[in-house]
Amino acid sequence: MSESTYSLFQRGRRHLRAGMAAQATVALEKAKRREPDKASIREALGIAYFRIRRWSEAEEEFRKVLELSPVNDYAHYALGRCLEKQGRDVEANTHYKLASSLRPASEQYRARIRELD
């Protein structure tokens, strides 16, 4: 009996919570192959890639999340972090500003903008 997509997703999240990002990618990549348009899977995979310093792959996942949900403030913030890690500060700042405009109460988002301006 094959494992459900939801089970794979939950296993990936458990690995992330346990600080095992590399292991999380295995389950989350399988889940993504089954449901490539599921934003929650893409977001978790982006987080896992980010934590293991695979910046461009994390960027790709967060861009897909934004394609699926353009007003996802966290995806804008996370994409900004990926871009910043790749030295693309101006582009990163654009996403920090978008994240902040979507969630004005977030000090974390505003703090990133101040660091780059």
C-alpha atoms as a PDB file:
ATOM      1  CA  MET A   1       0.000   0.000   0.000  1.00  0.00           C
ATOM      2  CA  SER A   2       1.460   3.331  -1.008  1.00  0.00           C
ATOM      3  CA  GLU A   3       1.796   6.241   1.358  1.00  0.00           C
ATOM      4  CA  SER A   4      -0.686   9.085   0.886  1.00  0.00           C
ATOM      5  CA  THR A   5       0.424  12.522  -0.219  1.00  0.00           C
ATOM      6  CA  TYR A   6      -0.829  13.919   3.074  1.00  0.00           C
ATOM      7  CA  SER A   7       1.272  11.395   5.021  1.00  0.00           C
ATOM      8  CA  LEU A   8       4.349  12.384   3.034  1.00  0.00           C
ATOM      9  CA  PHE A   9       3.627  16.048   3.711  1.00  0.00           C
ATOM     10  CA  GLN A  10       3.172  15.419   7.430  1.00  0.00           C
ATOM     11  CA  ARG A  11       6.387  13.386   7.590  1.00  0.00           C
ATOM     12  CA  GLY A  12       8.255  16.218   5.884  1.00  0.00           C
ATOM     13  CA  ARG A  13       6.854  18.720   8.382  1.00  0.00           C
ATOM     14  CA  ARG A  14       7.812  16.495  11.313  1.00  0.00           C
ATOM     15  CA  HIS A  15      11.366  16.330   9.975  1.00  0.00           C
ATOM     16  CA  LEU A  16      11.418  20.128   9.654  1.00  0.00           C
ATOM     17  CA  ARG A  17      10.205  20.579  13.234  1.00  0.00           C
ATOM     18  CA  ALA A  18      12.895  18.133  14.387  1.00  0.00           C
ATOM     19  CA  GLY A  19      15.597  20.142  12.615  1.00  0.00           C
ATOM     20  CA  MET A  20      16.141  17.508   9.921  1.00  0.00           C
ATOM     21  CA  ALA A  21      15.670  19.610   6.797  1.00  0.00           C
ATOM     22  CA  ALA A  22      17.607  17.324   4.450  1.00  0.00           C
ATOM     23  CA  GLN A  23      15.407  14.378   5.443  1.00  0.00           C
ATOM     24  CA  ALA A  24      12.322  16.551   5.021  1.00  0.00           C
ATOM     25  CA  THR A  25      13.163  17.156   1.379  1.00  0.00           C
ATOM     26  CA  VAL A  26      12.821  13.448   0.560  1.00  0.00           C
ATOM     27  CA  ALA A  27       9.196  13.176   1.691  1.00  0.00           C
ATOM     28  CA  LEU A  28       8.267  16.657   0.459  1.00  0.00           C
ATOM     29  CA  GLU A  29       9.736  16.086  -3.013  1.00  0.00           C
ATOM     30  CA  LYS A  30       7.639  12.899  -3.311  1.00  0.00           C
ATOM     31  CA  ALA A  31       4.553  14.807  -2.198  1.00  0.00           C
ATOM     32  CA  LYS A  32       5.305  17.586  -4.707  1.00  0.00           C
ATOM     33  CA  ARG A  33       5.567  15.081  -7.567  1.00  0.00           C
ATOM     34  CA  ARG A  34       2.073  13.860  -6.683  1.00  0.00           C
ATOM     35  CA  GLU A  35       0.533  17.302  -6.166  1.00  0.00           C
ATOM     36  CA  PRO A  36       2.696  19.943  -7.863  1.00  0.00           C
ATOM     37  CA  ASP A  37       0.123  22.700  -7.424  1.00  0.00           C
ATOM     38  CA  LYS A  38      -0.272  22.335  -3.654  1.00  0.00           C
ATOM     39  CA  ALA A  39       1.078  25.559  -2.133  1.00  0.00           C
ATOM     40  CA  SER A  40       1.501  24.076   1.360  1.00  0.00           C
ATOM     41  CA  ILE A  41       3.798  21.352   0.038  1.00  0.00           C
ATOM     42  CA  ARG A  42       5.796  23.869  -2.001  1.00  0.00           C
ATOM     43  CA  GLU A  43       6.154  26.187   0.987  1.00  0.00           C
ATOM     44  CA  ALA A  44       7.397  23.403   3.283  1.00  0.00           C
ATOM     45  CA  LEU A  45       9.838  22.229   0.609  1.00  0.00           C
ATOM     46  CA  GLY A  46      11.064  25.799   0.146  1.00  0.00           C
ATOM     47  CA  ILE A  47      11.711  26.051   3.877  1.00  0.00           C
ATOM     48  CA  ALA A  48      13.603  22.758   3.840  1.00  0.00           C
ATOM     49  CA  TYR A  49      15.755  23.847   0.896  1.00  0.00           C
ATOM     50  CA  PHE A  50      16.437  27.186   2.572  1.00  0.00           C
ATOM     51  CA  ARG A  51      17.577  25.513   5.770  1.00  0.00           C
ATOM     52  CA  ILE A  52      20.095  23.375   3.885  1.00  0.00           C
ATOM     53  CA  ARG A  53      21.318  26.421   1.958  1.00  0.00           C
ATOM     54  CA  ARG A  54      19.940  25.382  -1.416  1.00  0.00           C
ATOM     55  CA  TRP A  55      18.969  28.977  -2.147  1.00  0.00           C
ATOM     56  CA  SER A  56      18.019  28.696  -5.837  1.00  0.00           C
ATOM     57  CA  GLU A  57      15.818  25.659  -5.245  1.00  0.00           C
ATOM     58  CA  ALA A  58      14.148  27.418  -2.318  1.00  0.00           C
ATOM     59  CA  GLU A  59      13.643  30.441  -4.570  1.00  0.00           C
ATOM     60  CA  GLU A  60      11.957  28.256  -7.183  1.00  0.00           C
ATOM     61  CA  GLU A  61       9.553  26.807  -4.608  1.00  0.00           C
ATOM     62  CA  PHE A  62       8.579  30.198  -3.180  1.00  0.00           C
ATOM     63  CA  ARG A  63       8.080  31.614  -6.676  1.00  0.00           C
ATOM     64  CA  LYS A  64       5.688  28.735  -7.372  1.00  0.00           C
ATOM     65  CA  VAL A  65       3.837  29.425  -4.100  1.00  0.00           C
ATOM     66  CA  LEU A  66       3.400  33.030  -5.230  1.00  0.00           C
ATOM     67  CA  GLU A  67       2.195  31.886  -8.635  1.00  0.00           C
ATOM     68  CA  LEU A  68      -0.462  29.836  -6.842  1.00  0.00           C
ATOM     69  CA  SER A  69      -1.196  32.474  -4.183  1.00  0.00           C
ATOM     70  CA  PRO A  70       0.099  35.965  -5.098  1.00  0.00           C
ATOM     71  CA  VAL A  71      -0.963  37.504  -1.777  1.00  0.00           C
ATOM     72  CA  ASN A  72       0.920  35.036   0.433  1.00  0.00           C
ATOM     73  CA  ASP A  73       2.898  37.411   2.645  1.00  0.00           C
ATOM     74  CA  TYR A  74       5.170  34.687   4.027  1.00  0.00           C
ATOM     75  CA  ALA A  75       6.100  33.490   0.525  1.00  0.00           C
ATOM     76  CA  HIS A  76       7.114  37.047  -0.413  1.00  0.00           C
ATOM     77  CA  TYR A  77       9.222  37.286   2.738  1.00  0.00           C
ATOM     78  CA  ALA A  78      10.813  33.859   2.214  1.00  0.00           C
ATOM     79  CA  LEU A  79      11.524  34.603  -1.440  1.00  0.00           C
ATOM     80  CA  GLY A  80      13.188  37.822  -0.325  1.00  0.00           C
ATOM     81  CA  ARG A  81      15.407  35.841   2.068  1.00  0.00           C
ATOM     82  CA  CYS A  82      16.405  33.463  -0.746  1.00  0.00           C
ATOM     83  CA  LEU A  83      17.232  36.349  -3.047  1.00  0.00           C
ATOM     84  CA  GLU A  84      19.190  38.139  -0.329  1.00  0.00           C
ATOM     85  CA  LYS A  85      21.255  34.989   0.298  1.00  0.00           C
ATOM     86  CA  GLN A  86      22.105  35.002  -3.404  1.00  0.00           C
ATOM     87  CA  GLY A  87      23.249  38.629  -3.266  1.00  0.00           C
ATOM     88  CA  ARG A  88      20.185  40.002  -5.063  1.00  0.00           C
ATOM     89  CA  ASP A  89      19.368  42.628  -2.441  1.00  0.00           C
ATOM     90  CA  VAL A  90      17.318  45.023  -4.572  1.00  0.00           C
ATOM     91  CA  GLU A  91      15.038  42.235  -5.778  1.00  0.00           C
ATOM     92  CA  ALA A  92      14.838  40.866  -2.229  1.00  0.00           C
ATOM     93  CA  ASN A  93      13.808  44.247  -0.883  1.00  0.00           C
ATOM     94  CA  THR A  94      10.912  44.381  -3.345  1.00  0.00           C
ATOM     95  CA  HIS A  95       9.547  41.164  -1.864  1.00  0.00           C
ATOM     96  CA  TYR A  96      10.133  42.352   1.712  1.00  0.00           C
ATOM     97  CA  LYS A  97       8.129  45.470   0.930  1.00  0.00           C
ATOM     98  CA  LEU A  98       5.335  43.403  -0.613  1.00  0.00           C
ATOM     99  CA  ALA A  99       5.288  41.096   2.427  1.00  0.00           C
ATOM    100  CA  SER A 100       5.156  44.097   4.748  1.00  0.00           C
ATOM    101  CA  SER A 101       2.331  45.719   2.788  1.00  0.00           C
ATOM    102  CA  LEU A 102       0.343  42.471   2.979  1.00  0.00           C
ATOM    103  CA  ARG A 103       0.974  42.116   6.728  1.00  0.00           C
ATOM    104  CA  PRO A 104       1.729  45.601   8.088  1.00  0.00           C
ATOM    105  CA  ALA A 105       1.840  44.428  11.719  1.00  0.00           C
ATOM    106  CA  SER A 106       4.876  42.219  11.086  1.00  0.00           C
ATOM    107  CA  GLU A 107       7.964  43.761  12.613  1.00  0.00           C
ATOM    108  CA  GLN A 108      10.011  40.910  11.131  1.00  0.00           C
ATOM    109  CA  TYR A 109       9.087  41.989   7.593  1.00  0.00           C
ATOM    110  CA  ARG A 110       9.721  45.686   8.297  1.00  0.00           C
ATOM    111  CA  ALA A 111      13.096  44.856   9.866  1.00  0.00           C
ATOM    112  CA  ARG A 112      14.334  43.239   6.653  1.00  0.00           C
ATOM    113  CA  ILE A 113      13.441  46.358   4.652  1.00  0.00           C
ATOM    114  CA  ARG A 114      15.410  48.624   6.974  1.00  0.00           C
ATOM    115  CA  GLU A 115      18.483  46.422   6.734  1.00  0.00           C
ATOM    116  CA  LEU A 116      18.654  46.713   2.958  1.00  0.00           C
ATOM    117  CA  ASP A 117      17.652  50.346   2.406  1.00  0.00           C
END
